[in-house]
Amino acid sequence: MWFDAAHLGVSVKEVVQACRDHPDPIHLYGERLVVHVQTTPEAIEDIIQIFIRLIEEKKAAGFVPDSATLNGNGREPRTRPYEDARDRK
C-alpha cells in the first residue's frame, strides 16, 4: 500500500521516524507499506495509531489543510501508485 499524508501536514520522514520510535519498532523506509501473512493484527493497529497520533499532533499545532481533496503537491490524489508513469505513454 502506498500512502501520502502530506495533505494532512505529515511528511513521510515523520511517519518513518514515528515508526522507528515505537516501542516495538515498525520498519518503514518510505511511503510504501508492505503487509505479509506473518504481520500481526497488533502491528496493523500500531501503525494506524501512529498515523492518528501524528495527524492529531498536526491539528493541535494548528495545521489546516488547504483542501481535503488535494494532496501535498496541489494535484488530485493518485488512485494507483504508477498512474503518472503509465499515463505518459
N, C-alpha and C. Protein backbone atom coordinates (compact mmCIF):
# COMPACT_ATOMS: atom_id res chain seq x y z
N MET A 1 0.85 -1.15 0.00
CA MET A 1 0.00 0.00 0.00
C MET A 1 0.91 1.23 0.00
N TRP A 2 0.51 2.23 -0.74
CA TRP A 2 1.23 3.50 -0.78
C TRP A 2 0.44 4.53 0.02
N PHE A 3 1.16 5.41 0.71
CA PHE A 3 0.47 6.47 1.45
C PHE A 3 1.10 7.82 1.12
N ASP A 4 0.28 8.84 1.21
CA ASP A 4 0.72 10.21 1.05
C ASP A 4 -0.09 11.04 2.02
N ALA A 5 0.51 11.38 3.14
CA ALA A 5 -0.20 12.14 4.17
C ALA A 5 0.19 13.61 4.18
N ALA A 6 0.85 14.06 3.11
CA ALA A 6 1.30 15.46 3.05
C ALA A 6 0.13 16.43 3.14
N HIS A 7 -1.00 16.07 2.56
CA HIS A 7 -2.16 16.97 2.62
C HIS A 7 -2.70 17.10 4.04
N LEU A 8 -2.25 16.22 4.93
CA LEU A 8 -2.63 16.30 6.35
C LEU A 8 -1.53 16.94 7.18
N GLY A 9 -0.46 17.38 6.50
CA GLY A 9 0.64 18.04 7.19
C GLY A 9 1.68 17.09 7.73
N VAL A 10 1.59 15.81 7.38
CA VAL A 10 2.51 14.80 7.90
C VAL A 10 3.42 14.34 6.76
N SER A 11 4.73 14.47 6.96
CA SER A 11 5.67 14.06 5.93
C SER A 11 6.01 12.57 6.06
N VAL A 12 6.52 12.01 4.99
CA VAL A 12 6.97 10.61 5.01
C VAL A 12 8.05 10.45 6.08
N LYS A 13 8.95 11.41 6.15
CA LYS A 13 10.04 11.35 7.13
C LYS A 13 9.49 11.27 8.56
N GLU A 14 8.44 12.03 8.85
CA GLU A 14 7.84 12.00 10.19
C GLU A 14 7.22 10.63 10.48
N VAL A 15 6.56 10.04 9.48
CA VAL A 15 5.95 8.73 9.67
C VAL A 15 7.03 7.68 9.91
N VAL A 16 8.09 7.70 9.09
CA VAL A 16 9.19 6.73 9.25
C VAL A 16 9.80 6.85 10.64
N GLN A 17 10.05 8.07 11.09
CA GLN A 17 10.65 8.27 12.41
C GLN A 17 9.72 7.81 13.53
N ALA A 18 8.45 8.11 13.42
CA ALA A 18 7.49 7.68 14.45
C ALA A 18 7.42 6.16 14.51
N CYS A 19 7.51 5.50 13.37
CA CYS A 19 7.51 4.03 13.34
C CYS A 19 8.77 3.48 13.99
N ARG A 20 9.91 4.12 13.73
CA ARG A 20 11.18 3.70 14.37
C ARG A 20 11.14 3.89 15.88
N ASP A 21 10.51 4.98 16.32
CA ASP A 21 10.48 5.32 17.74
C ASP A 21 9.44 4.51 18.53
N HIS A 22 8.60 3.78 17.85
CA HIS A 22 7.56 2.98 18.52
C HIS A 22 8.24 1.95 19.42
N PRO A 23 7.64 1.64 20.59
CA PRO A 23 8.24 0.65 21.50
C PRO A 23 8.56 -0.70 20.82
N ASP A 24 7.73 -1.11 19.88
CA ASP A 24 8.01 -2.29 19.08
C ASP A 24 8.20 -1.77 17.65
N PRO A 25 9.44 -1.36 17.30
CA PRO A 25 9.67 -0.62 16.05
C PRO A 25 9.07 -1.28 14.81
N ILE A 26 8.54 -0.42 13.96
CA ILE A 26 8.00 -0.84 12.67
C ILE A 26 9.00 -0.36 11.62
N HIS A 27 9.46 -1.29 10.80
CA HIS A 27 10.48 -0.97 9.80
C HIS A 27 9.81 -0.45 8.54
N LEU A 28 9.96 0.84 8.35
CA LEU A 28 9.35 1.52 7.22
C LEU A 28 10.43 2.42 6.62
N TYR A 29 10.59 2.35 5.30
CA TYR A 29 11.68 3.08 4.66
C TYR A 29 11.20 4.11 3.65
N GLY A 30 9.93 4.36 3.61
CA GLY A 30 9.38 5.31 2.67
C GLY A 30 7.87 5.24 2.72
N GLU A 31 7.23 5.67 1.63
CA GLU A 31 5.77 5.75 1.62
C GLU A 31 5.08 4.45 1.21
N ARG A 32 5.82 3.35 1.22
CA ARG A 32 5.24 2.06 0.86
C ARG A 32 5.11 1.19 2.10
N LEU A 33 3.90 0.70 2.35
CA LEU A 33 3.65 -0.22 3.46
C LEU A 33 3.43 -1.61 2.89
N VAL A 34 4.16 -2.57 3.41
CA VAL A 34 4.02 -3.95 2.95
C VAL A 34 3.52 -4.79 4.11
N VAL A 35 2.44 -5.51 3.87
CA VAL A 35 1.88 -6.39 4.90
C VAL A 35 2.03 -7.82 4.40
N HIS A 36 2.64 -8.65 5.24
CA HIS A 36 2.84 -10.05 4.92
C HIS A 36 1.90 -10.91 5.75
N VAL A 37 1.82 -12.18 5.42
CA VAL A 37 0.92 -13.07 6.17
C VAL A 37 1.32 -13.16 7.64
N GLN A 38 2.59 -12.96 7.95
CA GLN A 38 3.03 -13.03 9.34
C GLN A 38 2.86 -11.71 10.09
N THR A 39 2.38 -10.67 9.43
CA THR A 39 2.12 -9.39 10.10
C THR A 39 0.94 -9.58 11.05
N THR A 40 1.15 -9.20 12.30
CA THR A 40 0.12 -9.41 13.31
C THR A 40 -0.93 -8.31 13.27
N PRO A 41 -2.13 -8.61 13.74
CA PRO A 41 -3.16 -7.56 13.85
C PRO A 41 -2.69 -6.41 14.75
N GLU A 42 -1.87 -6.73 15.76
CA GLU A 42 -1.35 -5.69 16.65
C GLU A 42 -0.46 -4.71 15.89
N ALA A 43 0.34 -5.21 14.96
CA ALA A 43 1.21 -4.33 14.17
C ALA A 43 0.39 -3.40 13.29
N ILE A 44 -0.69 -3.92 12.73
CA ILE A 44 -1.59 -3.09 11.92
C ILE A 44 -2.20 -2.00 12.79
N GLU A 45 -2.68 -2.38 13.96
CA GLU A 45 -3.27 -1.40 14.88
C GLU A 45 -2.22 -0.36 15.31
N ASP A 46 -0.99 -0.80 15.54
CA ASP A 46 0.07 0.13 15.93
C ASP A 46 0.29 1.21 14.87
N ILE A 47 0.36 0.81 13.60
CA ILE A 47 0.62 1.82 12.56
C ILE A 47 -0.59 2.74 12.37
N ILE A 48 -1.78 2.20 12.53
CA ILE A 48 -2.98 3.05 12.47
C ILE A 48 -2.93 4.09 13.58
N GLN A 49 -2.56 3.66 14.78
CA GLN A 49 -2.48 4.59 15.92
C GLN A 49 -1.37 5.62 15.72
N ILE A 50 -0.27 5.22 15.08
CA ILE A 50 0.80 6.18 14.78
C ILE A 50 0.28 7.27 13.85
N PHE A 51 -0.42 6.88 12.78
CA PHE A 51 -0.99 7.87 11.86
C PHE A 51 -1.97 8.78 12.59
N ILE A 52 -2.84 8.21 13.40
CA ILE A 52 -3.82 9.01 14.14
C ILE A 52 -3.11 10.01 15.05
N ARG A 53 -2.08 9.55 15.76
CA ARG A 53 -1.35 10.44 16.67
C ARG A 53 -0.68 11.57 15.90
N LEU A 54 -0.01 11.25 14.81
CA LEU A 54 0.66 12.30 14.02
C LEU A 54 -0.32 13.33 13.49
N ILE A 55 -1.46 12.86 12.99
CA ILE A 55 -2.48 13.78 12.46
C ILE A 55 -3.05 14.65 13.57
N GLU A 56 -3.32 14.05 14.74
CA GLU A 56 -3.84 14.83 15.87
C GLU A 56 -2.83 15.86 16.35
N GLU A 57 -1.53 15.50 16.34
CA GLU A 57 -0.50 16.46 16.73
C GLU A 57 -0.46 17.65 15.76
N LYS A 58 -0.61 17.37 14.47
CA LYS A 58 -0.62 18.46 13.48
C LYS A 58 -1.83 19.37 13.69
N LYS A 59 -3.00 18.77 13.94
CA LYS A 59 -4.20 19.57 14.20
C LYS A 59 -4.02 20.43 15.44
N ALA A 60 -3.47 19.84 16.50
CA ALA A 60 -3.26 20.56 17.75
C ALA A 60 -2.27 21.72 17.56
N ALA A 61 -1.33 21.54 16.64
CA ALA A 61 -0.34 22.60 16.35
C ALA A 61 -0.91 23.67 15.44
N GLY A 62 -2.16 23.47 14.97
CA GLY A 62 -2.81 24.49 14.16
C GLY A 62 -2.78 24.24 12.67
N PHE A 63 -2.31 23.07 12.24
CA PHE A 63 -2.28 22.79 10.81
C PHE A 63 -3.70 22.69 10.27
N VAL A 64 -3.94 23.40 9.18
CA VAL A 64 -5.23 23.35 8.50
C VAL A 64 -4.95 23.03 7.04
N PRO A 65 -5.45 21.89 6.54
CA PRO A 65 -5.20 21.56 5.13
C PRO A 65 -5.83 22.58 4.20
N ASP A 66 -5.16 22.86 3.07
CA ASP A 66 -5.71 23.78 2.08
C ASP A 66 -7.02 23.25 1.50
N SER A 67 -7.03 21.95 1.25
CA SER A 67 -8.22 21.34 0.68
C SER A 67 -8.20 19.86 1.02
N ALA A 68 -9.34 19.32 1.38
CA ALA A 68 -9.41 17.90 1.72
C ALA A 68 -9.26 17.02 0.49
N THR A 69 -9.36 17.59 -0.69
CA THR A 69 -9.30 16.76 -1.89
C THR A 69 -7.96 16.83 -2.61
N LEU A 70 -7.05 17.70 -2.19
CA LEU A 70 -5.77 17.82 -2.87
C LEU A 70 -4.67 17.22 -2.03
N ASN A 71 -3.66 16.65 -2.71
CA ASN A 71 -2.52 16.14 -1.96
C ASN A 71 -1.50 17.26 -1.79
N GLY A 72 -0.34 16.96 -1.19
CA GLY A 72 0.63 17.98 -0.83
C GLY A 72 1.22 18.75 -1.98
N ASN A 73 1.15 18.25 -3.20
CA ASN A 73 1.73 18.99 -4.33
C ASN A 73 0.68 19.73 -5.15
N GLY A 74 -0.55 19.82 -4.64
CA GLY A 74 -1.59 20.59 -5.31
C GLY A 74 -2.30 19.87 -6.42
N ARG A 75 -2.02 18.58 -6.61
CA ARG A 75 -2.71 17.80 -7.64
C ARG A 75 -3.71 16.87 -6.98
N GLU A 76 -4.65 16.41 -7.78
CA GLU A 76 -5.59 15.41 -7.27
C GLU A 76 -4.81 14.18 -6.85
N PRO A 77 -5.19 13.53 -5.73
CA PRO A 77 -4.50 12.32 -5.30
C PRO A 77 -4.59 11.23 -6.37
N ARG A 78 -3.52 10.47 -6.50
CA ARG A 78 -3.50 9.37 -7.46
C ARG A 78 -4.20 8.16 -6.86
N THR A 79 -4.84 7.39 -7.70
CA THR A 79 -5.51 6.18 -7.22
C THR A 79 -4.63 4.96 -7.40
N ARG A 80 -3.61 5.06 -8.25
CA ARG A 80 -2.66 3.97 -8.46
C ARG A 80 -1.27 4.53 -8.29
N PRO A 81 -0.34 3.79 -7.65
CA PRO A 81 0.99 4.35 -7.41
C PRO A 81 1.78 4.68 -8.66
N TYR A 82 1.52 4.01 -9.78
CA TYR A 82 2.29 4.26 -11.00
C TYR A 82 1.45 4.97 -12.07
N GLU A 83 0.39 5.60 -11.66
CA GLU A 83 -0.54 6.24 -12.58
C GLU A 83 0.17 7.24 -13.50
N ASP A 84 1.00 8.10 -12.96
CA ASP A 84 1.67 9.11 -13.77
C ASP A 84 2.55 8.49 -14.85
N ALA A 85 3.32 7.48 -14.49
CA ALA A 85 4.23 6.84 -15.44
C ALA A 85 3.46 6.16 -16.57
N ARG A 86 2.36 5.51 -16.24
CA ARG A 86 1.56 4.82 -17.26
C ARG A 86 0.88 5.82 -18.19
N ASP A 87 0.48 6.96 -17.65
CA ASP A 87 -0.23 7.94 -18.45
C ASP A 87 0.68 8.70 -19.41
N ARG A 88 1.99 8.58 -19.27
CA ARG A 88 2.93 9.31 -20.12
C ARG A 88 3.17 8.62 -21.46
N LYS A 89 2.66 7.44 -21.67
CA LYS A 89 2.91 6.68 -22.92
C LYS A 89 2.37 7.41 -24.11
